[in-house]
Amino acid sequence: MKLEHLRQSIDQLNAEIIMLLSKRMEIVIEVAKVKKEHNLPVDDPVREEEQRRLLRELARKHGLSPAVIEEMFTLFIDYTKLNMKMEMGNESRLPRN
């Protein structure tokens, strides 16, 4: 395979990852609305730990570093929680650009 073709494949995968993260963010905002409606807190430590466990398991299953995947998702989860808090406070969400 030629280098350019491989790079195009990586570019396509990056675009798909971004699209999936955007869809995930849309669902997070819907979760925020439900939590606000039912007066539930944004933070759910039990759910977050379960998600971390699942992410580590998936990373291992796919030959990736569990620590690196967990760190990547922690950054994104922190970003989504901030957006969720803002949504629940009726404030404008962080810009997505």
C-alpha atoms as a PDB file:
ATOM      1  CA  MET A   1       0.000   0.000   0.000  1.00  0.00           C
ATOM      2  CA  LYS A   2       1.141   3.489  -0.709  1.00  0.00           C
ATOM      3  CA  LEU A   3       1.683   5.990   2.066  1.00  0.00           C
ATOM      4  CA  GLU A   4      -0.888   8.404   0.634  1.00  0.00           C
ATOM      5  CA  HIS A   5      -3.567   5.718   0.625  1.00  0.00           C
ATOM      6  CA  LEU A   6      -2.801   4.831   4.239  1.00  0.00           C
ATOM      7  CA  ARG A   7      -2.986   8.491   5.225  1.00  0.00           C
ATOM      8  CA  GLN A   8      -6.337   8.847   3.476  1.00  0.00           C
ATOM      9  CA  SER A   9      -7.590   5.860   5.459  1.00  0.00           C
ATOM     10  CA  ILE A  10      -6.459   7.523   8.695  1.00  0.00           C
ATOM     11  CA  ASP A  11      -8.153  10.777   7.666  1.00  0.00           C
ATOM     12  CA  GLN A  12     -11.402   8.910   7.016  1.00  0.00           C
ATOM     13  CA  LEU A  13     -11.226   7.168  10.386  1.00  0.00           C
ATOM     14  CA  ASN A  14     -10.549  10.487  12.118  1.00  0.00           C
ATOM     15  CA  ALA A  15     -13.654  11.959  10.465  1.00  0.00           C
ATOM     16  CA  GLU A  16     -15.726   8.987  11.628  1.00  0.00           C
ATOM     17  CA  ILE A  17     -14.399   9.286  15.194  1.00  0.00           C
ATOM     18  CA  ILE A  18     -15.305  12.990  15.284  1.00  0.00           C
ATOM     19  CA  MET A  19     -18.786  12.246  13.923  1.00  0.00           C
ATOM     20  CA  LEU A  20     -19.326   9.603  16.613  1.00  0.00           C
ATOM     21  CA  LEU A  21     -18.102  11.939  19.367  1.00  0.00           C
ATOM     22  CA  SER A  22     -20.523  14.579  18.094  1.00  0.00           C
ATOM     23  CA  LYS A  23     -23.406  12.090  18.185  1.00  0.00           C
ATOM     24  CA  ARG A  24     -22.360  11.098  21.689  1.00  0.00           C
ATOM     25  CA  MET A  25     -22.444  14.767  22.733  1.00  0.00           C
ATOM     26  CA  GLU A  26     -25.972  15.115  21.363  1.00  0.00           C
ATOM     27  CA  ILE A  27     -27.082  12.193  23.526  1.00  0.00           C
ATOM     28  CA  VAL A  28     -25.298  13.666  26.555  1.00  0.00           C
ATOM     29  CA  ILE A  29     -27.321  16.864  26.135  1.00  0.00           C
ATOM     30  CA  GLU A  30     -30.511  14.777  26.063  1.00  0.00           C
ATOM     31  CA  VAL A  31     -29.350  13.027  29.255  1.00  0.00           C
ATOM     32  CA  ALA A  32     -28.849  16.471  30.817  1.00  0.00           C
ATOM     33  CA  LYS A  33     -32.425  17.407  29.974  1.00  0.00           C
ATOM     34  CA  VAL A  34     -33.745  14.223  31.603  1.00  0.00           C
ATOM     35  CA  LYS A  35     -31.570  14.745  34.669  1.00  0.00           C
ATOM     36  CA  LYS A  36     -32.743  18.342  34.958  1.00  0.00           C
ATOM     37  CA  GLU A  37     -36.381  17.279  34.602  1.00  0.00           C
ATOM     38  CA  HIS A  38     -35.959  14.710  37.401  1.00  0.00           C
ATOM     39  CA  ASN A  39     -33.675  16.888  39.520  1.00  0.00           C
ATOM     40  CA  LEU A  40     -30.801  14.402  39.291  1.00  0.00           C
ATOM     41  CA  PRO A  41     -27.143  15.355  39.722  1.00  0.00           C
ATOM     42  CA  VAL A  42     -24.786  15.513  36.749  1.00  0.00           C
ATOM     43  CA  ASP A  43     -22.143  13.446  38.481  1.00  0.00           C
ATOM     44  CA  ASP A  44     -22.765   9.728  38.848  1.00  0.00           C
ATOM     45  CA  PRO A  45     -19.576   8.196  40.291  1.00  0.00           C
ATOM     46  CA  VAL A  46     -20.901   4.624  40.087  1.00  0.00           C
ATOM     47  CA  ARG A  47     -21.767   4.992  36.385  1.00  0.00           C
ATOM     48  CA  GLU A  48     -18.463   6.722  35.673  1.00  0.00           C
ATOM     49  CA  GLU A  49     -16.438   3.939  37.294  1.00  0.00           C
ATOM     50  CA  GLU A  50     -18.415   1.310  35.396  1.00  0.00           C
ATOM     51  CA  GLN A  51     -17.709   3.166  32.159  1.00  0.00           C
ATOM     52  CA  ARG A  52     -13.992   3.333  32.969  1.00  0.00           C
ATOM     53  CA  ARG A  53     -13.973  -0.411  33.624  1.00  0.00           C
ATOM     54  CA  LEU A  54     -15.721  -1.090  30.323  1.00  0.00           C
ATOM     55  CA  LEU A  55     -13.351   1.204  28.434  1.00  0.00           C
ATOM     56  CA  ARG A  56     -10.316  -0.537  29.913  1.00  0.00           C
ATOM     57  CA  GLU A  57     -11.813  -3.910  28.987  1.00  0.00           C
ATOM     58  CA  LEU A  58     -12.537  -2.773  25.415  1.00  0.00           C
ATOM     59  CA  ALA A  59      -9.037  -1.350  25.095  1.00  0.00           C
ATOM     60  CA  ARG A  60      -7.478  -4.642  26.145  1.00  0.00           C
ATOM     61  CA  LYS A  61      -9.788  -6.569  23.803  1.00  0.00           C
ATOM     62  CA  HIS A  62      -8.622  -4.446  20.864  1.00  0.00           C
ATOM     63  CA  GLY A  63      -4.940  -4.426  21.740  1.00  0.00           C
ATOM     64  CA  LEU A  64      -4.831  -0.846  22.991  1.00  0.00           C
ATOM     65  CA  SER A  65      -3.398   0.584  26.176  1.00  0.00           C
ATOM     66  CA  PRO A  66      -6.171   0.698  28.806  1.00  0.00           C
ATOM     67  CA  ALA A  67      -4.428   3.621  30.536  1.00  0.00           C
ATOM     68  CA  VAL A  68      -4.219   5.685  27.343  1.00  0.00           C
ATOM     69  CA  ILE A  69      -7.827   4.986  26.347  1.00  0.00           C
ATOM     70  CA  GLU A  70      -9.038   5.814  29.844  1.00  0.00           C
ATOM     71  CA  GLU A  71      -7.116   9.085  29.810  1.00  0.00           C
ATOM     72  CA  MET A  72      -8.520  10.027  26.395  1.00  0.00           C
ATOM     73  CA  PHE A  73     -12.060   9.303  27.475  1.00  0.00           C
ATOM     74  CA  THR A  74     -11.591  11.061  30.816  1.00  0.00           C
ATOM     75  CA  LEU A  75     -10.761  14.249  28.943  1.00  0.00           C
ATOM     76  CA  PHE A  76     -13.815  13.883  26.725  1.00  0.00           C
ATOM     77  CA  ILE A  77     -16.079  12.901  29.625  1.00  0.00           C
ATOM     78  CA  ASP A  78     -14.961  15.969  31.580  1.00  0.00           C
ATOM     79  CA  TYR A  79     -15.832  18.082  28.532  1.00  0.00           C
ATOM     80  CA  THR A  80     -19.253  16.480  28.189  1.00  0.00           C
ATOM     81  CA  LYS A  81     -19.987  16.837  31.908  1.00  0.00           C
ATOM     82  CA  LEU A  82     -19.189  20.533  31.695  1.00  0.00           C
ATOM     83  CA  ASN A  83     -21.598  20.839  28.777  1.00  0.00           C
ATOM     84  CA  MET A  84     -24.190  18.872  30.731  1.00  0.00           C
ATOM     85  CA  LYS A  85     -23.850  21.180  33.743  1.00  0.00           C
ATOM     86  CA  MET A  86     -24.243  24.200  31.522  1.00  0.00           C
ATOM     87  CA  GLU A  87     -27.289  22.672  29.831  1.00  0.00           C
ATOM     88  CA  MET A  88     -28.884  21.934  33.187  1.00  0.00           C
ATOM     89  CA  GLY A  89     -28.191  25.481  34.318  1.00  0.00           C
ATOM     90  CA  ASN A  90     -29.904  26.881  31.224  1.00  0.00           C
ATOM     91  CA  GLU A  91     -26.650  28.503  30.205  1.00  0.00           C
ATOM     92  CA  SER A  92     -25.173  28.358  26.769  1.00  0.00           C
ATOM     93  CA  ARG A  93     -23.135  25.273  26.061  1.00  0.00           C
ATOM     94  CA  LEU A  94     -19.475  25.491  25.267  1.00  0.00           C
ATOM     95  CA  PRO A  95     -18.849  26.162  21.633  1.00  0.00           C
ATOM     96  CA  ARG A  96     -18.294  23.000  19.665  1.00  0.00           C
ATOM     97  CA  ASN A  97     -15.748  24.638  17.394  1.00  0.00           C
END
